[in-house]
């Protein structure tokens, strides 16, 4: 006796619910009337990690850029503090 047959579109939508919407495999399996075993197999078959890796690389680059900007702005602030203290002493 064979099990239910699901379309490719159905399988991809099920995976999207797990990956993009954050539902657990058990929740999706129960809601869609399939097994967790099937969902794990579909995840292995259809999950495309490349876009996620590219997004992580972009996020890491953004973090590095923001850290560099924070260092620069902190240095500028420190220089301005020192200059303000210098001119305040000189004025007295």
PDB file of N, CA and C in Angstrom:
ATOM      1  N   UNK A   1       0.844  -1.174   0.000  1.00  0.00           N
ATOM      2  CA  UNK A   1       0.000   0.000   0.000  1.00  0.00           C
ATOM      3  C   UNK A   1       0.886   1.233   0.000  1.00  0.00           C
ATOM      4  N   UNK A   2       0.708   2.087  -0.987  1.00  0.00           N
ATOM      5  CA  UNK A   2       1.560   3.273  -1.069  1.00  0.00           C
ATOM      6  C   UNK A   2       0.923   4.440  -0.319  1.00  0.00           C
ATOM      7  N   UNK A   3       1.781   5.355   0.099  1.00  0.00           N
ATOM      8  CA  UNK A   3       1.318   6.528   0.836  1.00  0.00           C
ATOM      9  C   UNK A   3       0.790   7.597  -0.101  1.00  0.00           C
ATOM     10  N   UNK A   4       0.433   8.722   0.478  1.00  0.00           N
ATOM     11  CA  UNK A   4      -0.068   9.846  -0.312  1.00  0.00           C
ATOM     12  C   UNK A   4       1.042  10.386  -1.199  1.00  0.00           C
ATOM     13  N   UNK A   5       0.657  10.901  -2.339  1.00  0.00           N
ATOM     14  CA  UNK A   5       1.596  11.555  -3.243  1.00  0.00           C
ATOM     15  C   UNK A   5       1.320  13.051  -3.179  1.00  0.00           C
ATOM     16  N   UNK A   6       2.371  13.820  -3.006  1.00  0.00           N
ATOM     17  CA  UNK A   6       2.233  15.272  -2.922  1.00  0.00           C
ATOM     18  C   UNK A   6       2.956  15.912  -4.099  1.00  0.00           C
ATOM     19  N   UNK A   7       2.431  17.033  -4.562  1.00  0.00           N
ATOM     20  CA  UNK A   7       3.046  17.739  -5.685  1.00  0.00           C
ATOM     21  C   UNK A   7       4.328  18.427  -5.222  1.00  0.00           C
ATOM     22  N   UNK A   8       5.157  18.761  -6.192  1.00  0.00           N
ATOM     23  CA  UNK A   8       6.398  19.487  -5.891  1.00  0.00           C
ATOM     24  C   UNK A   8       6.068  20.821  -5.223  1.00  0.00           C
ATOM     25  N   UNK A   9       5.037  21.488  -5.730  1.00  0.00           N
ATOM     26  CA  UNK A   9       4.631  22.783  -5.172  1.00  0.00           C
ATOM     27  C   UNK A   9       4.213  22.637  -3.705  1.00  0.00           C
ATOM     28  N   UNK A  10       3.464  21.597  -3.402  1.00  0.00           N
ATOM     29  CA  UNK A  10       3.030  21.339  -2.028  1.00  0.00           C
ATOM     30  C   UNK A  10       4.244  21.139  -1.117  1.00  0.00           C
ATOM     31  N   UNK A  11       5.203  20.345  -1.595  1.00  0.00           N
ATOM     32  CA  UNK A  11       6.396  20.062  -0.805  1.00  0.00           C
ATOM     33  C   UNK A  11       7.197  21.334  -0.546  1.00  0.00           C
ATOM     34  N   UNK A  12       7.359  22.144  -1.579  1.00  0.00           N
ATOM     35  CA  UNK A  12       8.130  23.386  -1.429  1.00  0.00           C
ATOM     36  C   UNK A  12       7.431  24.362  -0.490  1.00  0.00           C
ATOM     37  N   UNK A  13       6.115  24.416  -0.550  1.00  0.00           N
ATOM     38  CA  UNK A  13       5.360  25.288   0.360  1.00  0.00           C
ATOM     39  C   UNK A  13       5.496  24.798   1.799  1.00  0.00           C
ATOM     40  N   UNK A  14       5.481  23.495   1.988  1.00  0.00           N
ATOM     41  CA  UNK A  14       5.657  22.937   3.333  1.00  0.00           C
ATOM     42  C   UNK A  14       7.024  23.325   3.887  1.00  0.00           C
ATOM     43  N   UNK A  15       8.040  23.229   3.067  1.00  0.00           N
ATOM     44  CA  UNK A  15       9.396  23.590   3.489  1.00  0.00           C
ATOM     45  C   UNK A  15       9.488  25.078   3.791  1.00  0.00           C
ATOM     46  N   UNK A  16       8.812  25.884   2.980  1.00  0.00           N
ATOM     47  CA  UNK A  16       8.816  27.332   3.207  1.00  0.00           C
ATOM     48  C   UNK A  16       8.234  27.667   4.579  1.00  0.00           C
ATOM     49  N   UNK A  17       7.209  26.933   4.988  1.00  0.00           N
ATOM     50  CA  UNK A  17       6.613  27.175   6.303  1.00  0.00           C
ATOM     51  C   UNK A  17       7.619  26.905   7.415  1.00  0.00           C
ATOM     52  N   UNK A  18       8.476  25.944   7.212  1.00  0.00           N
ATOM     53  CA  UNK A  18       9.482  25.604   8.225  1.00  0.00           C
ATOM     54  C   UNK A  18      10.624  26.618   8.210  1.00  0.00           C
ATOM     55  N   UNK A  19      11.150  26.890   7.033  1.00  0.00           N
ATOM     56  CA  UNK A  19      12.347  27.722   6.921  1.00  0.00           C
ATOM     57  C   UNK A  19      12.034  29.207   7.089  1.00  0.00           C
ATOM     58  N   UNK A  20      11.077  29.713   6.326  1.00  0.00           N
ATOM     59  CA  UNK A  20      10.829  31.152   6.313  1.00  0.00           C
ATOM     60  C   UNK A  20       9.886  31.611   7.413  1.00  0.00           C
ATOM     61  N   UNK A  21       8.902  30.799   7.729  1.00  0.00           N
ATOM     62  CA  UNK A  21       7.898  31.234   8.706  1.00  0.00           C
ATOM     63  C   UNK A  21       8.184  30.740  10.112  1.00  0.00           C
ATOM     64  N   UNK A  22       9.153  29.843  10.245  1.00  0.00           N
ATOM     65  CA  UNK A  22       9.607  29.421  11.562  1.00  0.00           C
ATOM     66  C   UNK A  22       8.764  28.380  12.274  1.00  0.00           C
ATOM     67  N   UNK A  23       7.876  27.711  11.566  1.00  0.00           N
ATOM     68  CA  UNK A  23       7.088  26.653  12.196  1.00  0.00           C
ATOM     69  C   UNK A  23       7.960  25.417  12.399  1.00  0.00           C
ATOM     70  N   UNK A  24       7.633  24.630  13.404  1.00  0.00           N
ATOM     71  CA  UNK A  24       8.392  23.398  13.629  1.00  0.00           C
ATOM     72  C   UNK A  24       7.956  22.343  12.615  1.00  0.00           C
ATOM     73  N   UNK A  25       8.817  21.365  12.418  1.00  0.00           N
ATOM     74  CA  UNK A  25       8.514  20.273  11.491  1.00  0.00           C
ATOM     75  C   UNK A  25       7.264  19.536  11.958  1.00  0.00           C
ATOM     76  N   UNK A  26       7.150  19.305  13.259  1.00  0.00           N
ATOM     77  CA  UNK A  26       5.988  18.589  13.799  1.00  0.00           C
ATOM     78  C   UNK A  26       4.695  19.363  13.543  1.00  0.00           C
ATOM     79  N   UNK A  27       4.729  20.698  13.736  1.00  0.00           N
ATOM     80  CA  UNK A  27       3.529  21.511  13.497  1.00  0.00           C
ATOM     81  C   UNK A  27       3.082  21.413  12.045  1.00  0.00           C
ATOM     82  N   UNK A  28       4.034  21.576  11.145  1.00  0.00           N
ATOM     83  CA  UNK A  28       3.709  21.544   9.714  1.00  0.00           C
ATOM     84  C   UNK A  28       3.205  20.163   9.315  1.00  0.00           C
ATOM     85  N   UNK A  29       3.838  19.125   9.812  1.00  0.00           N
ATOM     86  CA  UNK A  29       3.412  17.759   9.481  1.00  0.00           C
ATOM     87  C   UNK A  29       1.980  17.521   9.931  1.00  0.00           C
ATOM     88  N   UNK A  30       1.667  17.944  11.136  1.00  0.00           N
ATOM     89  CA  UNK A  30       0.310  17.742  11.658  1.00  0.00           C
ATOM     90  C   UNK A  30      -0.714  18.537  10.855  1.00  0.00           C
ATOM     91  N   UNK A  31      -0.388  19.800  10.580  1.00  0.00           N
ATOM     92  CA  UNK A  31      -1.317  20.653   9.854  1.00  0.00           C
ATOM     93  C   UNK A  31      -1.563  20.180   8.424  1.00  0.00           C
ATOM     94  N   UNK A  32      -0.511  19.693   7.774  1.00  0.00           N
ATOM     95  CA  UNK A  32      -0.635  19.308   6.369  1.00  0.00           C
ATOM     96  C   UNK A  32      -0.972  17.833   6.168  1.00  0.00           C
ATOM     97  N   UNK A  33      -1.008  17.078   7.245  1.00  0.00           N
ATOM     98  CA  UNK A  33      -1.377  15.672   7.126  1.00  0.00           C
ATOM     99  C   UNK A  33      -0.297  14.807   6.512  1.00  0.00           C
ATOM    100  N   UNK A  34       0.927  15.096   6.836  1.00  0.00           N
ATOM    101  CA  UNK A  34       2.043  14.283   6.359  1.00  0.00           C
ATOM    102  C   UNK A  34       2.890  13.870   7.558  1.00  0.00           C
ATOM    103  N   UNK A  35       3.949  13.146   7.310  1.00  0.00           N
ATOM    104  CA  UNK A  35       4.794  12.704   8.421  1.00  0.00           C
ATOM    105  C   UNK A  35       6.010  13.616   8.559  1.00  0.00           C
ATOM    106  N   UNK A  36       6.571  13.614   9.754  1.00  0.00           N
ATOM    107  CA  UNK A  36       7.793  14.398   9.958  1.00  0.00           C
ATOM    108  C   UNK A  36       8.931  13.809   9.121  1.00  0.00           C
ATOM    109  N   UNK A  37       8.915  12.494   8.960  1.00  0.00           N
ATOM    110  CA  UNK A  37       9.940  11.840   8.141  1.00  0.00           C
ATOM    111  C   UNK A  37       9.917  12.389   6.713  1.00  0.00           C
ATOM    112  N   UNK A  38       8.710  12.522   6.150  1.00  0.00           N
ATOM    113  CA  UNK A  38       8.586  13.068   4.791  1.00  0.00           C
ATOM    114  C   UNK A  38       9.109  14.495   4.735  1.00  0.00           C
ATOM    115  N   UNK A  39       8.747  15.295   5.738  1.00  0.00           N
ATOM    116  CA  UNK A  39       9.193  16.692   5.742  1.00  0.00           C
ATOM    117  C   UNK A  39      10.714  16.794   5.815  1.00  0.00           C
ATOM    118  N   UNK A  40      11.330  15.978   6.647  1.00  0.00           N
ATOM    119  CA  UNK A  40      12.794  16.006   6.727  1.00  0.00           C
ATOM    120  C   UNK A  40      13.422  15.601   5.390  1.00  0.00           C
ATOM    121  N   UNK A  41      12.824  14.631   4.717  1.00  0.00           N
ATOM    122  CA  UNK A  41      13.326  14.218   3.404  1.00  0.00           C
ATOM    123  C   UNK A  41      13.175  15.358   2.394  1.00  0.00           C
ATOM    124  N   UNK A  42      12.032  16.051   2.434  1.00  0.00           N
ATOM    125  CA  UNK A  42      11.813  17.181   1.526  1.00  0.00           C
ATOM    126  C   UNK A  42      12.780  18.314   1.834  1.00  0.00           C
ATOM    127  N   UNK A  43      13.022  18.554   3.110  1.00  0.00           N
ATOM    128  CA  UNK A  43      13.986  19.590   3.487  1.00  0.00           C
ATOM    129  C   UNK A  43      15.352  19.283   2.893  1.00  0.00           C
ATOM    130  N   UNK A  44      15.752  18.043   3.008  1.00  0.00           N
ATOM    131  CA  UNK A  44      17.054  17.642   2.490  1.00  0.00           C
ATOM    132  C   UNK A  44      17.105  17.803   0.973  1.00  0.00           C
ATOM    133  N   UNK A  45      16.001  17.477   0.306  1.00  0.00           N
ATOM    134  CA  UNK A  45      15.962  17.524  -1.154  1.00  0.00           C
ATOM    135  C   UNK A  45      15.826  18.947  -1.695  1.00  0.00           C
ATOM    136  N   UNK A  46      14.953  19.753  -1.106  1.00  0.00           N
ATOM    137  CA  UNK A  46      14.604  21.043  -1.699  1.00  0.00           C
ATOM    138  C   UNK A  46      15.247  22.252  -1.034  1.00  0.00           C
ATOM    139  N   UNK A  47      15.757  22.097   0.163  1.00  0.00           N
ATOM    140  CA  UNK A  47      16.326  23.250   0.851  1.00  0.00           C
ATOM    141  C   UNK A  47      17.570  23.716   0.115  1.00  0.00           C
ATOM    142  N   UNK A  48      17.583  24.986  -0.256  1.00  0.00           N
ATOM    143  CA  UNK A  48      18.694  25.559  -1.000  1.00  0.00           C
ATOM    144  C   UNK A  48      19.493  26.462  -0.070  1.00  0.00           C
ATOM    145  N   UNK A  49      20.606  25.991   0.466  1.00  0.00           N
ATOM    146  CA  UNK A  49      21.351  26.781   1.440  1.00  0.00           C
ATOM    147  C   UNK A  49      22.121  27.951   0.841  1.00  0.00           C
ATOM    148  N   UNK A  50      22.332  27.992  -0.465  1.00  0.00           N
ATOM    149  CA  UNK A  50      23.129  29.047  -1.067  1.00  0.00           C
ATOM    150  C   UNK A  50      22.586  30.447  -0.780  1.00  0.00           C
ATOM    151  N   UNK A  51      21.280  30.708  -0.957  1.00  0.00           N
ATOM    152  CA  UNK A  51      20.799  32.063  -0.665  1.00  0.00           C
ATOM    153  C   UNK A  51      21.013  32.451   0.793  1.00  0.00           C
ATOM    154  N   UNK A  52      20.859  31.505   1.688  1.00  0.00           N
ATOM    155  CA  UNK A  52      21.047  31.807   3.103  1.00  0.00           C
ATOM    156  C   UNK A  52      22.510  32.152   3.365  1.00  0.00           C
ATOM    157  N   UNK A  53      23.427  31.419   2.734  1.00  0.00           N
ATOM    158  CA  UNK A  53      24.852  31.694   2.905  1.00  0.00           C
ATOM    159  C   UNK A  53      25.179  33.071   2.350  1.00  0.00           C
ATOM    160  N   UNK A  54      24.621  33.405   1.189  1.00  0.00           N
ATOM    161  CA  UNK A  54      24.850  34.727   0.608  1.00  0.00           C
ATOM    162  C   UNK A  54      24.321  35.815   1.530  1.00  0.00           C
ATOM    163  N   UNK A  55      23.166  35.582   2.128  1.00  0.00           N
ATOM    164  CA  UNK A  55      22.602  36.564   3.051  1.00  0.00           C
ATOM    165  C   UNK A  55      23.497  36.719   4.272  1.00  0.00           C
ATOM    166  N   UNK A  56      24.056  35.620   4.764  1.00  0.00           N
ATOM    167  CA  UNK A  56      24.954  35.692   5.918  1.00  0.00           C
ATOM    168  C   UNK A  56      26.218  36.467   5.572  1.00  0.00           C
ATOM    169  N   UNK A  57      26.732  36.269   4.369  1.00  0.00           N
ATOM    170  CA  UNK A  57      27.920  37.000   3.937  1.00  0.00           C
ATOM    171  C   UNK A  57      27.601  38.486   3.882  1.00  0.00           C
ATOM    172  N   UNK A  58      26.441  38.843   3.326  1.00  0.00           N
ATOM    173  CA  UNK A  58      26.023  40.244   3.270  1.00  0.00           C
ATOM    174  C   UNK A  58      25.890  40.820   4.672  1.00  0.00           C
ATOM    175  N   UNK A  59      25.314  40.072   5.583  1.00  0.00           N
ATOM    176  CA  UNK A  59      25.149  40.539   6.957  1.00  0.00           C
ATOM    177  C   UNK A  59      26.500  40.723   7.634  1.00  0.00           C
ATOM    178  N   UNK A  60      27.426  39.811   7.403  1.00  0.00           N
ATOM    179  CA  UNK A  60      28.762  39.932   7.995  1.00  0.00           C
ATOM    180  C   UNK A  60      29.480  41.163   7.450  1.00  0.00           C
ATOM    181  N   UNK A  61      29.333  41.428   6.162  1.00  0.00           N
ATOM    182  CA  UNK A  61      29.947  42.616   5.567  1.00  0.00           C
ATOM    183  C   UNK A  61      29.343  43.880   6.168  1.00  0.00           C
ATOM    184  N   UNK A  62      28.044  43.885   6.353  1.00  0.00           N
ATOM    185  CA  UNK A  62      27.366  45.038   6.959  1.00  0.00           C
ATOM    186  C   UNK A  62      27.831  45.233   8.402  1.00  0.00           C
ATOM    187  N   UNK A  63      27.984  44.160   9.142  1.00  0.00           N
ATOM    188  CA  UNK A  63      28.463  44.252  10.526  1.00  0.00           C
ATOM    189  C   UNK A  63      29.872  44.838  10.552  1.00  0.00           C
ATOM    190  N   UNK A  64      30.746  44.369   9.671  1.00  0.00           N
ATOM    191  CA  UNK A  64      32.118  44.889   9.615  1.00  0.00           C
ATOM    192  C   UNK A  64      32.120  46.371   9.266  1.00  0.00           C
ATOM    193  N   UNK A  65      31.277  46.763   8.306  1.00  0.00           N
ATOM    194  CA  UNK A  65      31.186  48.172   7.917  1.00  0.00           C
ATOM    195  C   UNK A  65      30.717  49.023   9.085  1.00  0.00           C
ATOM    196  N   UNK A  66      29.702  48.550   9.797  1.00  0.00           N
ATOM    197  CA  UNK A  66      29.169  49.301  10.931  1.00  0.00           C
ATOM    198  C   UNK A  66      30.178  49.397  12.075  1.00  0.00           C
ATOM    199  N   UNK A  67      30.937  48.338  12.305  1.00  0.00           N
ATOM    200  CA  UNK A  67      31.971  48.385  13.346  1.00  0.00           C
ATOM    201  C   UNK A  67      33.042  49.411  12.993  1.00  0.00           C
ATOM    202  N   UNK A  68      33.452  49.442  11.730  1.00  0.00           N
ATOM    203  CA  UNK A  68      34.455  50.418  11.293  1.00  0.00           C
ATOM    204  C   UNK A  68      33.915  51.837  11.452  1.00  0.00           C
ATOM    205  N   UNK A  69      32.669  52.038  11.081  1.00  0.00           N
ATOM    206  CA  UNK A  69      32.062  53.362  11.228  1.00  0.00           C
ATOM    207  C   UNK A  69      31.968  53.753  12.701  1.00  0.00           C
ATOM    208  N   UNK A  70      31.623  52.806  13.550  1.00  0.00           N
ATOM    209  CA  UNK A  70      31.548  53.079  14.987  1.00  0.00           C
ATOM    210  C   UNK A  70      32.914  53.486  15.531  1.00  0.00           C
ATOM    211  N   UNK A  71      33.975  52.789  15.116  1.00  0.00           N
ATOM    212  CA  UNK A  71      35.334  53.156  15.550  1.00  0.00           C
ATOM    213  C   UNK A  71      35.671  54.579  15.122  1.00  0.00           C
ATOM    214  N   UNK A  72      35.364  54.913  13.868  1.00  0.00           N
ATOM    215  CA  UNK A  72      35.665  56.242  13.334  1.00  0.00           C
ATOM    216  C   UNK A  72      34.911  57.316  14.103  1.00  0.00           C
ATOM    217  N   UNK A  73      33.636  57.104  14.326  1.00  0.00           N
ATOM    218  CA  UNK A  73      32.812  58.088  15.032  1.00  0.00           C
ATOM    219  C   UNK A  73      33.262  58.222  16.485  1.00  0.00           C
ATOM    220  N   UNK A  74      33.646  57.123  17.105  1.00  0.00           N
ATOM    221  CA  UNK A  74      34.142  57.171  18.485  1.00  0.00           C
ATOM    222  C   UNK A  74      35.435  57.977  18.561  1.00  0.00           C
ATOM    223  N   UNK A  75      36.336  57.770  17.598  1.00  0.00           N
ATOM    224  CA  UNK A  75      37.576  58.552  17.556  1.00  0.00           C
ATOM    225  C   UNK A  75      37.274  60.035  17.380  1.00  0.00           C
ATOM    226  N   UNK A  76      36.356  60.361  16.483  1.00  0.00           N
ATOM    227  CA  UNK A  76      35.985  61.766  16.276  1.00  0.00           C
ATOM    228  C   UNK A  76      35.431  62.376  17.557  1.00  0.00           C
ATOM    229  N   UNK A  77      34.588  61.632  18.248  1.00  0.00           N
ATOM    230  CA  UNK A  77      34.018  62.122  19.500  1.00  0.00           C
ATOM    231  C   UNK A  77      35.106  62.385  20.531  1.00  0.00           C
ATOM    232  N   UNK A  78      36.047  61.441  20.640  1.00  0.00           N
ATOM    233  CA  UNK A  78      37.137  61.598  21.607  1.00  0.00           C
ATOM    234  C   UNK A  78      37.999  62.814  21.280  1.00  0.00           C
ATOM    235  N   UNK A  79      38.285  63.026  20.006  1.00  0.00           N
ATOM    236  CA  UNK A  79      39.070  64.195  19.585  1.00  0.00           C
ATOM    237  C   UNK A  79      38.329  65.475  19.944  1.00  0.00           C
ATOM    238  N   UNK A  80      37.029  65.503  19.685  1.00  0.00           N
ATOM    239  CA  UNK A  80      36.242  66.699  20.002  1.00  0.00           C
ATOM    240  C   UNK A  80      36.192  66.950  21.506  1.00  0.00           C
ATOM    241  N   UNK A  81      36.098  65.897  22.297  1.00  0.00           N
ATOM    242  CA  UNK A  81      36.105  66.054  23.757  1.00  0.00           C
ATOM    243  C   UNK A  81      37.422  66.672  24.221  1.00  0.00           C
ATOM    244  N   UNK A  82      38.528  66.163  23.677  1.00  0.00           N
ATOM    245  CA  UNK A  82      39.844  66.685  24.054  1.00  0.00           C
ATOM    246  C   UNK A  82      39.993  68.139  23.620  1.00  0.00           C
ATOM    247  N   UNK A  83      39.524  68.453  22.421  1.00  0.00           N
ATOM    248  CA  UNK A  83      39.611  69.830  21.929  1.00  0.00           C
ATOM    249  C   UNK A  83      38.770  70.755  22.792  1.00  0.00           C
ATOM    250  N   UNK A  84      37.586  70.326  23.168  1.00  0.00           N
ATOM    251  CA  UNK A  84      36.716  71.149  24.014  1.00  0.00           C
ATOM    252  C   UNK A  84      37.373  71.388  25.367  1.00  0.00           C
ATOM    253  N   UNK A  85      37.980  70.365  25.935  1.00  0.00           N
ATOM    254  CA  UNK A  85      38.662  70.515  27.225  1.00  0.00           C
ATOM    255  C   UNK A  85      39.858  71.450  27.082  1.00  0.00           C
ATOM    256  N   UNK A  86      40.596  71.339  25.998  1.00  0.00           N
ATOM    257  CA  UNK A  86      41.757  72.198  25.757  1.00  0.00           C
ATOM    258  C   UNK A  86      41.341  73.656  25.658  1.00  0.00           C
ATOM    259  N   UNK A  87      40.319  73.933  24.856  1.00  0.00           N
ATOM    260  CA  UNK A  87      39.884  75.318  24.682  1.00  0.00           C
ATOM    261  C   UNK A  87      39.235  75.870  25.942  1.00  0.00           C
ATOM    262  N   UNK A  88      38.601  75.023  26.727  1.00  0.00           N
ATOM    263  CA  UNK A  88      38.005  75.476  27.987  1.00  0.00           C
ATOM    264  C   UNK A  88      39.108  75.891  28.957  1.00  0.00           C
ATOM    265  N   UNK A  89      40.215  75.144  29.023  1.00  0.00           N
ATOM    266  CA  UNK A  89      41.338  75.507  29.895  1.00  0.00           C
ATOM    267  C   UNK A  89      42.026  76.762  29.389  1.00  0.00           C
ATOM    268  N   UNK A  90      42.170  76.873  28.090  1.00  0.00           N
ATOM    269  CA  UNK A  90      42.857  78.017  27.497  1.00  0.00           C
ATOM    270  C   UNK A  90      42.060  79.298  27.710  1.00  0.00           C
ATOM    271  N   UNK A  91      40.771  79.199  27.730  1.00  0.00           N
ATOM    272  CA  UNK A  91      39.890  80.368  27.873  1.00  0.00           C
ATOM    273  C   UNK A  91      39.939  80.914  29.288  1.00  0.00           C
ATOM    274  N   UNK A  92      40.210  80.081  30.274  1.00  0.00           N
ATOM    275  CA  UNK A  92      40.215  80.527  31.671  1.00  0.00           C
ATOM    276  C   UNK A  92      41.402  81.355  32.016  1.00  0.00           C
TER     277      UNK A  92
END
